[in-house]
Amino acid sequence: MMENGFTPMTITQSKKISACPSWLELSEDRRSFVYLEHRAEVIRKIFELSIGGLGSYAITNFLEKQGIPPFGSSSRWDHTTIDSMLRNRAVLGEYQPKSYAGGRSKGIPNGPPVPDYYPAVIDEDTFQKAQAARQQNLITNRGRKGNNLANLFDGLTTCAYCGSAVRFLSSHPYKSLVCAKVLDENGCTRTAWSYQDFEANVLQFLAHPALLDSAEPSRKDELRNLVGEIVRLGDDDDLYVTRYSIALSLRKIVTQLTLSSSGSTPGNRLADAAVRRDVKGRFYDLRLWDGAIYRGISTT
């Protein structure tokens, strides 16, 4: 007997208990669990979205916008359900015995988890990447409500001058990309790049036919999908879903995006000088999956 008074449960029976995660069902002979394949695919998509940088609110909105039905009796997805799924090691096949002694509505773990009790939906590496992404979202306070994806490049952009992250700044009526050191009043060049101009420049480059022609065969479908999503930005009734799809695709294709918001020779400016936007000669260096680096120069 354990110190807390509970006796650990040992899973030795050949037949399974009927209770199981919502993406599985018990086989007719009660000796195994089988996927509800459409639900298993949703679980995999949730982990993919999380690894891509989306928080639970944003994932909830994405599923709702896509018209994907929730698993339970509820008519809508809830961010707490998404959080629970992302933490639940049952996706790896683990079963955690619990005690409901004393009429508890929520069980208390009773003994060690039983591995390989369920069929795994994802692997350990995917699970750990999602946990790391969740922690990063909590640290940076990103992805809370998820009602709009203003910055497609969140987490991808860095400053060419100091190597710091480049942040998205929304100060009505302007939306800009600015070095984190500038925003923290900690140095670097006090310049910014209008977000709309930057997004248009980068997406126009990625959608250029020459880039697709030069892509490795194994990457052509990935890049072709991104181009299709960029084209849909102009006439898609549901921009929310399209922008999230683009953001996820960018993280597969772009490995580095460095901004030179003051051009190649930024001048020294006073620490309290106003932040200048859209300096002539600004450019970015974009590194793709194959290691190739391209330079894009703003024409405005």
C-alpha atoms as a PDB file:
ATOM      1  CA  MET A   1       0.000   0.000   0.000  1.00  0.00           C
ATOM      2  CA  MET A   2       1.279   3.459  -0.832  1.00  0.00           C
ATOM      3  CA  GLU A   3       1.866   6.128   1.819  1.00  0.00           C
ATOM      4  CA  ASN A   4      -1.246   8.055   0.784  1.00  0.00           C
ATOM      5  CA  GLY A   5      -3.436   5.068   1.631  1.00  0.00           C
ATOM      6  CA  PHE A   6      -4.210   4.021  -1.935  1.00  0.00           C
ATOM      7  CA  THR A   7      -3.303   0.651  -3.323  1.00  0.00           C
ATOM      8  CA  PRO A   8      -1.679   0.864  -6.772  1.00  0.00           C
ATOM      9  CA  MET A   9      -3.749  -0.647  -9.572  1.00  0.00           C
ATOM     10  CA  THR A  10      -2.085  -3.299 -11.697  1.00  0.00           C
ATOM     11  CA  ILE A  11      -3.376  -3.723 -15.244  1.00  0.00           C
ATOM     12  CA  THR A  12      -3.168  -7.459 -15.848  1.00  0.00           C
ATOM     13  CA  GLN A  13      -6.552  -8.317 -17.313  1.00  0.00           C
ATOM     14  CA  SER A  14      -6.728  -9.226 -20.987  1.00  0.00           C
ATOM     15  CA  LYS A  15      -9.975  -7.340 -21.439  1.00  0.00           C
ATOM     16  CA  LYS A  16      -9.899  -3.561 -21.293  1.00  0.00           C
ATOM     17  CA  ILE A  17     -12.031  -1.201 -19.275  1.00  0.00           C
ATOM     18  CA  SER A  18     -14.562   0.656 -21.406  1.00  0.00           C
ATOM     19  CA  ALA A  19     -13.391   4.137 -20.405  1.00  0.00           C
ATOM     20  CA  CYS A  20     -10.916   5.528 -22.918  1.00  0.00           C
ATOM     21  CA  PRO A  21      -9.873   8.838 -24.493  1.00  0.00           C
ATOM     22  CA  SER A  22     -12.423  10.430 -26.799  1.00  0.00           C
ATOM     23  CA  TRP A  23     -10.410   9.689 -29.937  1.00  0.00           C
ATOM     24  CA  LEU A  24     -10.538   5.912 -29.287  1.00  0.00           C
ATOM     25  CA  GLU A  25     -13.177   3.233 -28.906  1.00  0.00           C
ATOM     26  CA  LEU A  26     -13.170  -0.277 -27.474  1.00  0.00           C
ATOM     27  CA  SER A  27     -12.961  -3.139 -29.938  1.00  0.00           C
ATOM     28  CA  GLU A  28     -15.842  -5.613 -30.106  1.00  0.00           C
ATOM     29  CA  ASP A  29     -13.882  -8.300 -28.219  1.00  0.00           C
ATOM     30  CA  ARG A  30     -12.925  -5.724 -25.533  1.00  0.00           C
ATOM     31  CA  ARG A  31      -9.269  -6.706 -25.830  1.00  0.00           C
ATOM     32  CA  SER A  32      -7.954  -3.592 -27.549  1.00  0.00           C
ATOM     33  CA  PHE A  33      -8.687  -0.005 -28.463  1.00  0.00           C
ATOM     34  CA  VAL A  34      -9.003   1.275 -32.003  1.00  0.00           C
ATOM     35  CA  TYR A  35      -8.798   4.764 -33.461  1.00  0.00           C
ATOM     36  CA  LEU A  36     -11.735   6.854 -34.395  1.00  0.00           C
ATOM     37  CA  GLU A  37      -9.563   7.912 -37.290  1.00  0.00           C
ATOM     38  CA  HIS A  38     -11.210  11.274 -37.955  1.00  0.00           C
ATOM     39  CA  ARG A  39     -10.731  12.206 -34.291  1.00  0.00           C
ATOM     40  CA  ALA A  40      -7.154  10.934 -34.237  1.00  0.00           C
ATOM     41  CA  GLU A  41      -6.426  13.249 -37.164  1.00  0.00           C
ATOM     42  CA  VAL A  42      -7.861  16.180 -35.205  1.00  0.00           C
ATOM     43  CA  ILE A  43      -5.550  15.361 -32.280  1.00  0.00           C
ATOM     44  CA  ARG A  44      -2.553  15.335 -34.624  1.00  0.00           C
ATOM     45  CA  LYS A  45      -3.674  18.661 -36.078  1.00  0.00           C
ATOM     46  CA  ILE A  46      -3.984  20.198 -32.601  1.00  0.00           C
ATOM     47  CA  PHE A  47      -0.389  19.222 -31.814  1.00  0.00           C
ATOM     48  CA  GLU A  48       0.789  20.528 -35.180  1.00  0.00           C
ATOM     49  CA  LEU A  49      -0.889  23.872 -34.511  1.00  0.00           C
ATOM     50  CA  SER A  50       0.601  24.053 -31.017  1.00  0.00           C
ATOM     51  CA  ILE A  51       4.112  23.348 -32.293  1.00  0.00           C
ATOM     52  CA  GLY A  52       3.497  26.004 -34.930  1.00  0.00           C
ATOM     53  CA  GLY A  53       3.092  28.577 -32.160  1.00  0.00           C
ATOM     54  CA  LEU A  54      -0.668  28.773 -31.646  1.00  0.00           C
ATOM     55  CA  GLY A  55      -2.082  29.017 -28.126  1.00  0.00           C
ATOM     56  CA  SER A  56      -5.162  27.141 -26.945  1.00  0.00           C
ATOM     57  CA  TYR A  57      -7.495  30.067 -27.704  1.00  0.00           C
ATOM     58  CA  ALA A  58      -6.178  30.335 -31.251  1.00  0.00           C
ATOM     59  CA  ILE A  59      -6.425  26.580 -31.806  1.00  0.00           C
ATOM     60  CA  THR A  60     -10.002  26.659 -30.512  1.00  0.00           C
ATOM     61  CA  ASN A  61     -10.896  29.403 -32.965  1.00  0.00           C
ATOM     62  CA  PHE A  62      -9.158  27.570 -35.804  1.00  0.00           C
ATOM     63  CA  LEU A  63     -11.171  24.390 -35.198  1.00  0.00           C
ATOM     64  CA  GLU A  64     -14.395  26.377 -34.946  1.00  0.00           C
ATOM     65  CA  LYS A  65     -13.690  28.264 -38.161  1.00  0.00           C
ATOM     66  CA  GLN A  66     -12.901  25.003 -39.953  1.00  0.00           C
ATOM     67  CA  GLY A  67     -16.212  23.550 -38.834  1.00  0.00           C
ATOM     68  CA  ILE A  68     -14.566  20.590 -37.064  1.00  0.00           C
ATOM     69  CA  PRO A  69     -17.084  19.139 -34.583  1.00  0.00           C
ATOM     70  CA  PRO A  70     -15.987  18.738 -30.939  1.00  0.00           C
ATOM     71  CA  PHE A  71     -15.663  15.238 -29.519  1.00  0.00           C
ATOM     72  CA  GLY A  72     -18.074  15.393 -26.599  1.00  0.00           C
ATOM     73  CA  SER A  73     -21.649  16.502 -26.093  1.00  0.00           C
ATOM     74  CA  SER A  74     -20.745  20.194 -26.238  1.00  0.00           C
ATOM     75  CA  SER A  75     -21.582  22.053 -29.434  1.00  0.00           C
ATOM     76  CA  ARG A  76     -18.363  24.098 -29.309  1.00  0.00           C
ATOM     77  CA  TRP A  77     -14.673  23.648 -28.690  1.00  0.00           C
ATOM     78  CA  ASP A  78     -13.262  25.152 -25.505  1.00  0.00           C
ATOM     79  CA  HIS A  79      -9.697  26.302 -24.863  1.00  0.00           C
ATOM     80  CA  THR A  80      -9.554  24.299 -21.603  1.00  0.00           C
ATOM     81  CA  THR A  81     -10.270  21.148 -23.607  1.00  0.00           C
ATOM     82  CA  ILE A  82      -7.398  21.966 -25.956  1.00  0.00           C
ATOM     83  CA  ASP A  83      -5.075  22.581 -22.992  1.00  0.00           C
ATOM     84  CA  SER A  84      -6.078  19.244 -21.489  1.00  0.00           C
ATOM     85  CA  MET A  85      -5.472  17.374 -24.746  1.00  0.00           C
ATOM     86  CA  LEU A  86      -2.044  18.923 -25.163  1.00  0.00           C
ATOM     87  CA  ARG A  87      -1.028  17.812 -21.658  1.00  0.00           C
ATOM     88  CA  ASN A  88      -2.613  14.363 -21.786  1.00  0.00           C
ATOM     89  CA  ARG A  89      -0.025  11.611 -22.143  1.00  0.00           C
ATOM     90  CA  ALA A  90      -2.776   9.246 -23.247  1.00  0.00           C
ATOM     91  CA  VAL A  91      -1.939  10.516 -26.750  1.00  0.00           C
ATOM     92  CA  LEU A  92       1.315   8.574 -26.282  1.00  0.00           C
ATOM     93  CA  GLY A  93      -0.590   5.445 -25.259  1.00  0.00           C
ATOM     94  CA  GLU A  94      -0.235   5.836 -21.484  1.00  0.00           C
ATOM     95  CA  TYR A  95      -3.021   4.924 -19.083  1.00  0.00           C
ATOM     96  CA  GLN A  96      -2.972   6.563 -15.662  1.00  0.00           C
ATOM     97  CA  PRO A  97      -4.910   4.543 -13.037  1.00  0.00           C
ATOM     98  CA  LYS A  98      -6.873   6.776 -10.678  1.00  0.00           C
ATOM     99  CA  SER A  99      -8.725   6.450  -7.419  1.00  0.00           C
ATOM    100  CA  TYR A 100     -12.185   7.954  -6.983  1.00  0.00           C
ATOM    101  CA  ALA A 101     -12.424   7.042  -3.303  1.00  0.00           C
ATOM    102  CA  GLY A 102     -14.583   9.305  -1.163  1.00  0.00           C
ATOM    103  CA  GLY A 103     -16.853  10.229  -4.030  1.00  0.00           C
ATOM    104  CA  ARG A 104     -14.282  12.366  -5.806  1.00  0.00           C
ATOM    105  CA  SER A 105     -15.488  13.608  -9.203  1.00  0.00           C
ATOM    106  CA  LYS A 106     -11.891  13.914 -10.373  1.00  0.00           C
ATOM    107  CA  GLY A 107      -9.685  10.946  -9.724  1.00  0.00           C
ATOM    108  CA  ILE A 108      -6.312  11.045  -8.013  1.00  0.00           C
ATOM    109  CA  PRO A 109      -3.415   9.199  -9.701  1.00  0.00           C
ATOM    110  CA  ASN A 110      -3.134   5.769  -8.103  1.00  0.00           C
ATOM    111  CA  GLY A 111       0.176   4.198  -9.031  1.00  0.00           C
ATOM    112  CA  PRO A 112       2.479   4.698 -12.003  1.00  0.00           C
ATOM    113  CA  PRO A 113       1.145   5.169 -15.544  1.00  0.00           C
ATOM    114  CA  VAL A 114       0.832   2.066 -17.695  1.00  0.00           C
ATOM    115  CA  PRO A 115       2.669   2.483 -21.023  1.00  0.00           C
ATOM    116  CA  ASP A 116       1.329   1.129 -24.321  1.00  0.00           C
ATOM    117  CA  TYR A 117      -2.137   0.570 -22.894  1.00  0.00           C
ATOM    118  CA  TYR A 118      -3.714   2.642 -25.685  1.00  0.00           C
ATOM    119  CA  PRO A 119      -2.545   2.972 -29.285  1.00  0.00           C
ATOM    120  CA  ALA A 120      -0.371   6.094 -29.504  1.00  0.00           C
ATOM    121  CA  VAL A 121      -1.664   8.932 -31.670  1.00  0.00           C
ATOM    122  CA  ILE A 122       1.630  10.885 -31.755  1.00  0.00           C
ATOM    123  CA  ASP A 123       5.237  10.149 -30.802  1.00  0.00           C
ATOM    124  CA  GLU A 124       7.207  11.406 -27.808  1.00  0.00           C
ATOM    125  CA  ASP A 125       9.175  13.931 -29.846  1.00  0.00           C
ATOM    126  CA  THR A 126       5.985  15.596 -31.093  1.00  0.00           C
ATOM    127  CA  PHE A 127       4.554  15.656 -27.569  1.00  0.00           C
ATOM    128  CA  GLN A 128       7.673  17.313 -26.131  1.00  0.00           C
ATOM    129  CA  LYS A 129       7.825  19.907 -28.913  1.00  0.00           C
ATOM    130  CA  ALA A 130       4.240  20.873 -28.125  1.00  0.00           C
ATOM    131  CA  GLN A 131       5.066  21.225 -24.412  1.00  0.00           C
ATOM    132  CA  ALA A 132       8.001  23.493 -25.254  1.00  0.00           C
ATOM    133  CA  ALA A 133       5.789  25.601 -27.523  1.00  0.00           C
ATOM    134  CA  ARG A 134       3.139  25.911 -24.794  1.00  0.00           C
ATOM    135  CA  GLN A 135       5.732  27.082 -22.291  1.00  0.00           C
ATOM    136  CA  GLN A 136       7.078  29.630 -24.765  1.00  0.00           C
ATOM    137  CA  ASN A 137       3.570  30.981 -25.296  1.00  0.00           C
ATOM    138  CA  LEU A 138       3.136  31.366 -21.546  1.00  0.00           C
ATOM    139  CA  ILE A 139       6.480  33.153 -21.184  1.00  0.00           C
ATOM    140  CA  THR A 140       5.877  35.578 -24.033  1.00  0.00           C
ATOM    141  CA  ASN A 141       2.110  35.882 -23.401  1.00  0.00           C
ATOM    142  CA  ARG A 142       1.439  35.060 -27.045  1.00  0.00           C
ATOM    143  CA  GLY A 143      -1.587  33.345 -28.506  1.00  0.00           C
ATOM    144  CA  ARG A 144      -4.128  34.217 -25.816  1.00  0.00           C
ATOM    145  CA  LYS A 145      -7.432  35.087 -27.448  1.00  0.00           C
ATOM    146  CA  GLY A 146      -6.379  34.290 -30.980  1.00  0.00           C
ATOM    147  CA  ASN A 147      -9.141  36.300 -32.647  1.00  0.00           C
ATOM    148  CA  ASN A 148      -6.755  37.675 -35.241  1.00  0.00           C
ATOM    149  CA  LEU A 149      -3.304  36.819 -36.513  1.00  0.00           C
ATOM    150  CA  ALA A 150      -1.785  40.241 -37.026  1.00  0.00           C
ATOM    151  CA  ASN A 151       1.839  39.064 -37.400  1.00  0.00           C
ATOM    152  CA  LEU A 152       2.474  36.084 -39.681  1.00  0.00           C
ATOM    153  CA  PHE A 153       6.173  36.124 -38.786  1.00  0.00           C
ATOM    154  CA  ASP A 154       5.973  35.955 -34.992  1.00  0.00           C
ATOM    155  CA  GLY A 155       9.078  34.206 -33.675  1.00  0.00           C
ATOM    156  CA  LEU A 156      10.848  34.187 -37.054  1.00  0.00           C
ATOM    157  CA  THR A 157      12.260  37.722 -37.289  1.00  0.00           C
ATOM    158  CA  THR A 158      15.516  39.008 -35.800  1.00  0.00           C
ATOM    159  CA  CYS A 159      17.394  42.307 -35.953  1.00  0.00           C
ATOM    160  CA  ALA A 160      20.393  42.374 -38.310  1.00  0.00           C
ATOM    161  CA  TYR A 161      22.245  44.904 -36.136  1.00  0.00           C
ATOM    162  CA  CYS A 162      22.119  43.357 -32.672  1.00  0.00           C
ATOM    163  CA  GLY A 163      20.617  39.891 -33.129  1.00  0.00           C
ATOM    164  CA  SER A 164      17.641  40.597 -30.859  1.00  0.00           C
ATOM    165  CA  ALA A 165      14.130  39.477 -31.654  1.00  0.00           C
ATOM    166  CA  VAL A 166      12.016  41.794 -33.774  1.00  0.00           C
ATOM    167  CA  ARG A 167       8.615  42.441 -32.222  1.00  0.00           C
ATOM    168  CA  PHE A 168       5.258  43.423 -33.612  1.00  0.00           C
ATOM    169  CA  LEU A 169       4.103  46.828 -32.371  1.00  0.00           C
ATOM    170  CA  SER A 170       0.534  48.006 -32.859  1.00  0.00           C
ATOM    171  CA  SER A 171       0.121  51.689 -32.056  1.00  0.00           C
ATOM    172  CA  HIS A 172      -2.948  53.100 -33.760  1.00  0.00           C
ATOM    173  CA  PRO A 173      -2.981  53.745 -36.634  1.00  0.00           C
ATOM    174  CA  TYR A 174       0.417  52.124 -37.247  1.00  0.00           C
ATOM    175  CA  LYS A 175       1.522  48.500 -37.121  1.00  0.00           C
ATOM    176  CA  SER A 176       5.273  47.998 -37.288  1.00  0.00           C
ATOM    177  CA  LEU A 177       8.138  45.587 -36.728  1.00  0.00           C
ATOM    178  CA  VAL A 178      10.675  46.962 -34.258  1.00  0.00           C
ATOM    179  CA  CYS A 179      13.833  45.607 -32.617  1.00  0.00           C
ATOM    180  CA  ALA A 180      13.169  44.427 -29.056  1.00  0.00           C
ATOM    181  CA  LYS A 181      16.056  46.542 -27.748  1.00  0.00           C
ATOM    182  CA  VAL A 182      14.417  49.675 -29.108  1.00  0.00           C
ATOM    183  CA  LEU A 183      11.132  48.835 -27.424  1.00  0.00           C
ATOM    184  CA  ASP A 184      12.950  48.096 -24.167  1.00  0.00           C
ATOM    185  CA  GLU A 185      14.844  51.414 -24.392  1.00  0.00           C
ATOM    186  CA  ASN A 186      18.062  49.429 -24.444  1.00  0.00           C
ATOM    187  CA  GLY A 187      19.823  50.687 -27.559  1.00  0.00           C
ATOM    188  CA  CYS A 188      20.027  49.608 -31.212  1.00  0.00           C
ATOM    189  CA  THR A 189      18.896  51.735 -34.129  1.00  0.00           C
ATOM    190  CA  ARG A 190      15.595  53.493 -33.511  1.00  0.00           C
ATOM    191  CA  THR A 191      13.849  52.529 -36.727  1.00  0.00           C
ATOM    192  CA  ALA A 192      10.815  50.429 -37.602  1.00  0.00           C
ATOM    193  CA  TRP A 193       9.373  48.715 -40.670  1.00  0.00           C
ATOM    194  CA  SER A 194       5.679  49.104 -41.479  1.00  0.00           C
ATOM    195  CA  TYR A 195       4.184  45.667 -41.051  1.00  0.00           C
ATOM    196  CA  GLN A 196       1.905  45.809 -44.087  1.00  0.00           C
ATOM    197  CA  ASP A 197       4.826  46.750 -46.341  1.00  0.00           C
ATOM    198  CA  PHE A 198       7.030  44.019 -44.875  1.00  0.00           C
ATOM    199  CA  GLU A 199       4.389  41.292 -45.172  1.00  0.00           C
ATOM    200  CA  ALA A 200       3.616  42.226 -48.781  1.00  0.00           C
ATOM    201  CA  ASN A 201       7.332  42.153 -49.697  1.00  0.00           C
ATOM    202  CA  VAL A 202       8.026  38.745 -48.170  1.00  0.00           C
ATOM    203  CA  LEU A 203       4.871  37.037 -49.417  1.00  0.00           C
ATOM    204  CA  GLN A 204       5.388  38.416 -52.908  1.00  0.00           C
ATOM    205  CA  PHE A 205       8.875  36.925 -52.957  1.00  0.00           C
ATOM    206  CA  LEU A 206       7.723  33.522 -51.677  1.00  0.00           C
ATOM    207  CA  ALA A 207       4.935  33.404 -54.279  1.00  0.00           C
ATOM    208  CA  HIS A 208       7.275  34.110 -57.203  1.00  0.00           C
ATOM    209  CA  PRO A 209       7.174  31.278 -59.792  1.00  0.00           C
ATOM    210  CA  ALA A 210      10.981  31.186 -60.018  1.00  0.00           C
ATOM    211  CA  LEU A 211      11.244  30.079 -56.404  1.00  0.00           C
ATOM    212  CA  LEU A 212       8.879  27.169 -56.982  1.00  0.00           C
ATOM    213  CA  ASP A 213      10.777  26.155 -60.118  1.00  0.00           C
ATOM    214  CA  SER A 214      14.056  25.993 -58.178  1.00  0.00           C
ATOM    215  CA  ALA A 215      12.646  24.117 -55.176  1.00  0.00           C
ATOM    216  CA  GLU A 216      13.711  20.574 -54.364  1.00  0.00           C
ATOM    217  CA  PRO A 217      11.155  17.993 -55.568  1.00  0.00           C
ATOM    218  CA  SER A 218      10.399  16.957 -51.981  1.00  0.00           C
ATOM    219  CA  ARG A 219       9.536  20.556 -51.100  1.00  0.00           C
ATOM    220  CA  LYS A 220       7.525  21.576 -54.154  1.00  0.00           C
ATOM    221  CA  ASP A 221       4.157  20.515 -52.715  1.00  0.00           C
ATOM    222  CA  GLU A 222       4.878  22.377 -49.488  1.00  0.00           C
ATOM    223  CA  LEU A 223       5.794  25.556 -51.341  1.00  0.00           C
ATOM    224  CA  ARG A 224       2.919  25.152 -53.802  1.00  0.00           C
ATOM    225  CA  ASN A 225       0.485  24.989 -50.873  1.00  0.00           C
ATOM    226  CA  LEU A 226       1.936  28.194 -49.435  1.00  0.00           C
ATOM    227  CA  VAL A 227       1.585  29.961 -52.785  1.00  0.00           C
ATOM    228  CA  GLY A 228      -2.049  28.876 -52.982  1.00  0.00           C
ATOM    229  CA  GLU A 229      -2.698  30.252 -49.498  1.00  0.00           C
ATOM    230  CA  ILE A 230      -1.045  33.564 -50.375  1.00  0.00           C
ATOM    231  CA  VAL A 231      -3.218  33.854 -53.487  1.00  0.00           C
ATOM    232  CA  ARG A 232      -6.333  33.192 -51.403  1.00  0.00           C
ATOM    233  CA  LEU A 233      -5.558  36.176 -49.174  1.00  0.00           C
ATOM    234  CA  GLY A 234      -6.999  38.416 -51.873  1.00  0.00           C
ATOM    235  CA  ASP A 235     -10.420  36.809 -52.140  1.00  0.00           C
ATOM    236  CA  ASP A 236     -10.870  34.433 -49.219  1.00  0.00           C
ATOM    237  CA  ASP A 237     -13.972  35.054 -47.123  1.00  0.00           C
ATOM    238  CA  ASP A 238     -12.320  33.462 -44.110  1.00  0.00           C
ATOM    239  CA  LEU A 239      -8.998  35.275 -43.731  1.00  0.00           C
ATOM    240  CA  TYR A 240      -8.575  33.911 -40.215  1.00  0.00           C
ATOM    241  CA  VAL A 241      -8.022  30.326 -41.369  1.00  0.00           C
ATOM    242  CA  THR A 242      -5.953  31.371 -44.369  1.00  0.00           C
ATOM    243  CA  ARG A 243      -3.575  33.518 -42.316  1.00  0.00           C
ATOM    244  CA  TYR A 244      -3.036  30.747 -39.786  1.00  0.00           C
ATOM    245  CA  SER A 245      -2.312  28.308 -42.596  1.00  0.00           C
ATOM    246  CA  ILE A 246       0.250  30.728 -44.026  1.00  0.00           C
ATOM    247  CA  ALA A 247       1.877  31.211 -40.606  1.00  0.00           C
ATOM    248  CA  LEU A 248       2.272  27.457 -40.168  1.00  0.00           C
ATOM    249  CA  SER A 249       3.649  27.018 -43.681  1.00  0.00           C
ATOM    250  CA  LEU A 250       6.176  29.803 -43.115  1.00  0.00           C
ATOM    251  CA  ARG A 251       7.603  27.940 -40.133  1.00  0.00           C
ATOM    252  CA  LYS A 252       8.249  24.901 -42.319  1.00  0.00           C
ATOM    253  CA  ILE A 253       9.843  26.826 -45.180  1.00  0.00           C
ATOM    254  CA  VAL A 254      11.637  29.802 -43.584  1.00  0.00           C
ATOM    255  CA  THR A 255      14.420  29.099 -41.090  1.00  0.00           C
ATOM    256  CA  GLN A 256      15.677  32.669 -40.595  1.00  0.00           C
ATOM    257  CA  LEU A 257      14.390  36.163 -41.386  1.00  0.00           C
ATOM    258  CA  THR A 258      16.717  39.050 -40.546  1.00  0.00           C
ATOM    259  CA  LEU A 259      15.607  42.683 -40.818  1.00  0.00           C
ATOM    260  CA  SER A 260      17.852  45.618 -41.661  1.00  0.00           C
ATOM    261  CA  SER A 261      15.304  48.341 -41.014  1.00  0.00           C
ATOM    262  CA  SER A 262      17.871  51.155 -41.409  1.00  0.00           C
ATOM    263  CA  GLY A 263      19.625  49.785 -44.468  1.00  0.00           C
ATOM    264  CA  SER A 264      23.218  48.619 -44.654  1.00  0.00           C
ATOM    265  CA  THR A 265      24.763  51.587 -42.792  1.00  0.00           C
ATOM    266  CA  PRO A 266      22.516  52.653 -39.918  1.00  0.00           C
ATOM    267  CA  GLY A 267      23.521  55.940 -38.355  1.00  0.00           C
ATOM    268  CA  ASN A 268      23.822  56.560 -34.641  1.00  0.00           C
ATOM    269  CA  ARG A 269      20.765  58.177 -33.068  1.00  0.00           C
ATOM    270  CA  LEU A 270      20.055  59.546 -29.601  1.00  0.00           C
ATOM    271  CA  ALA A 271      18.569  57.074 -27.129  1.00  0.00           C
ATOM    272  CA  ASP A 272      15.428  59.190 -26.784  1.00  0.00           C
ATOM    273  CA  ALA A 273      15.030  60.000 -30.479  1.00  0.00           C
ATOM    274  CA  ALA A 274      11.684  59.246 -32.104  1.00  0.00           C
ATOM    275  CA  VAL A 275      11.467  55.881 -33.862  1.00  0.00           C
ATOM    276  CA  ARG A 276      11.598  56.420 -37.625  1.00  0.00           C
ATOM    277  CA  ARG A 277       9.478  54.197 -39.861  1.00  0.00           C
ATOM    278  CA  ASP A 278      10.256  52.924 -43.359  1.00  0.00           C
ATOM    279  CA  VAL A 279      13.786  54.224 -43.831  1.00  0.00           C
ATOM    280  CA  LYS A 280      14.949  54.225 -47.444  1.00  0.00           C
ATOM    281  CA  GLY A 281      17.171  51.290 -48.349  1.00  0.00           C
ATOM    282  CA  ARG A 282      15.747  48.890 -45.763  1.00  0.00           C
ATOM    283  CA  PHE A 283      16.016  45.206 -46.617  1.00  0.00           C
ATOM    284  CA  TYR A 284      15.680  41.697 -45.184  1.00  0.00           C
ATOM    285  CA  ASP A 285      17.662  38.474 -45.570  1.00  0.00           C
ATOM    286  CA  LEU A 286      15.564  35.330 -45.761  1.00  0.00           C
ATOM    287  CA  ARG A 287      17.017  31.831 -45.308  1.00  0.00           C
ATOM    288  CA  LEU A 288      14.985  28.903 -46.608  1.00  0.00           C
ATOM    289  CA  TRP A 289      14.914  25.226 -45.644  1.00  0.00           C
ATOM    290  CA  ASP A 290      17.694  24.376 -48.129  1.00  0.00           C
ATOM    291  CA  GLY A 291      20.085  26.938 -46.648  1.00  0.00           C
ATOM    292  CA  ALA A 292      19.744  29.379 -49.542  1.00  0.00           C
ATOM    293  CA  ILE A 293      19.686  33.044 -48.508  1.00  0.00           C
ATOM    294  CA  TYR A 294      17.789  35.681 -50.466  1.00  0.00           C
ATOM    295  CA  ARG A 295      17.758  39.439 -49.992  1.00  0.00           C
ATOM    296  CA  GLY A 296      14.557  41.416 -50.365  1.00  0.00           C
ATOM    297  CA  ILE A 297      14.657  45.199 -50.676  1.00  0.00           C
ATOM    298  CA  SER A 298      11.623  47.399 -50.066  1.00  0.00           C
ATOM    299  CA  THR A 299      10.745  49.460 -53.110  1.00  0.00           C
ATOM    300  CA  THR A 300       8.900  52.154 -51.161  1.00  0.00           C
END
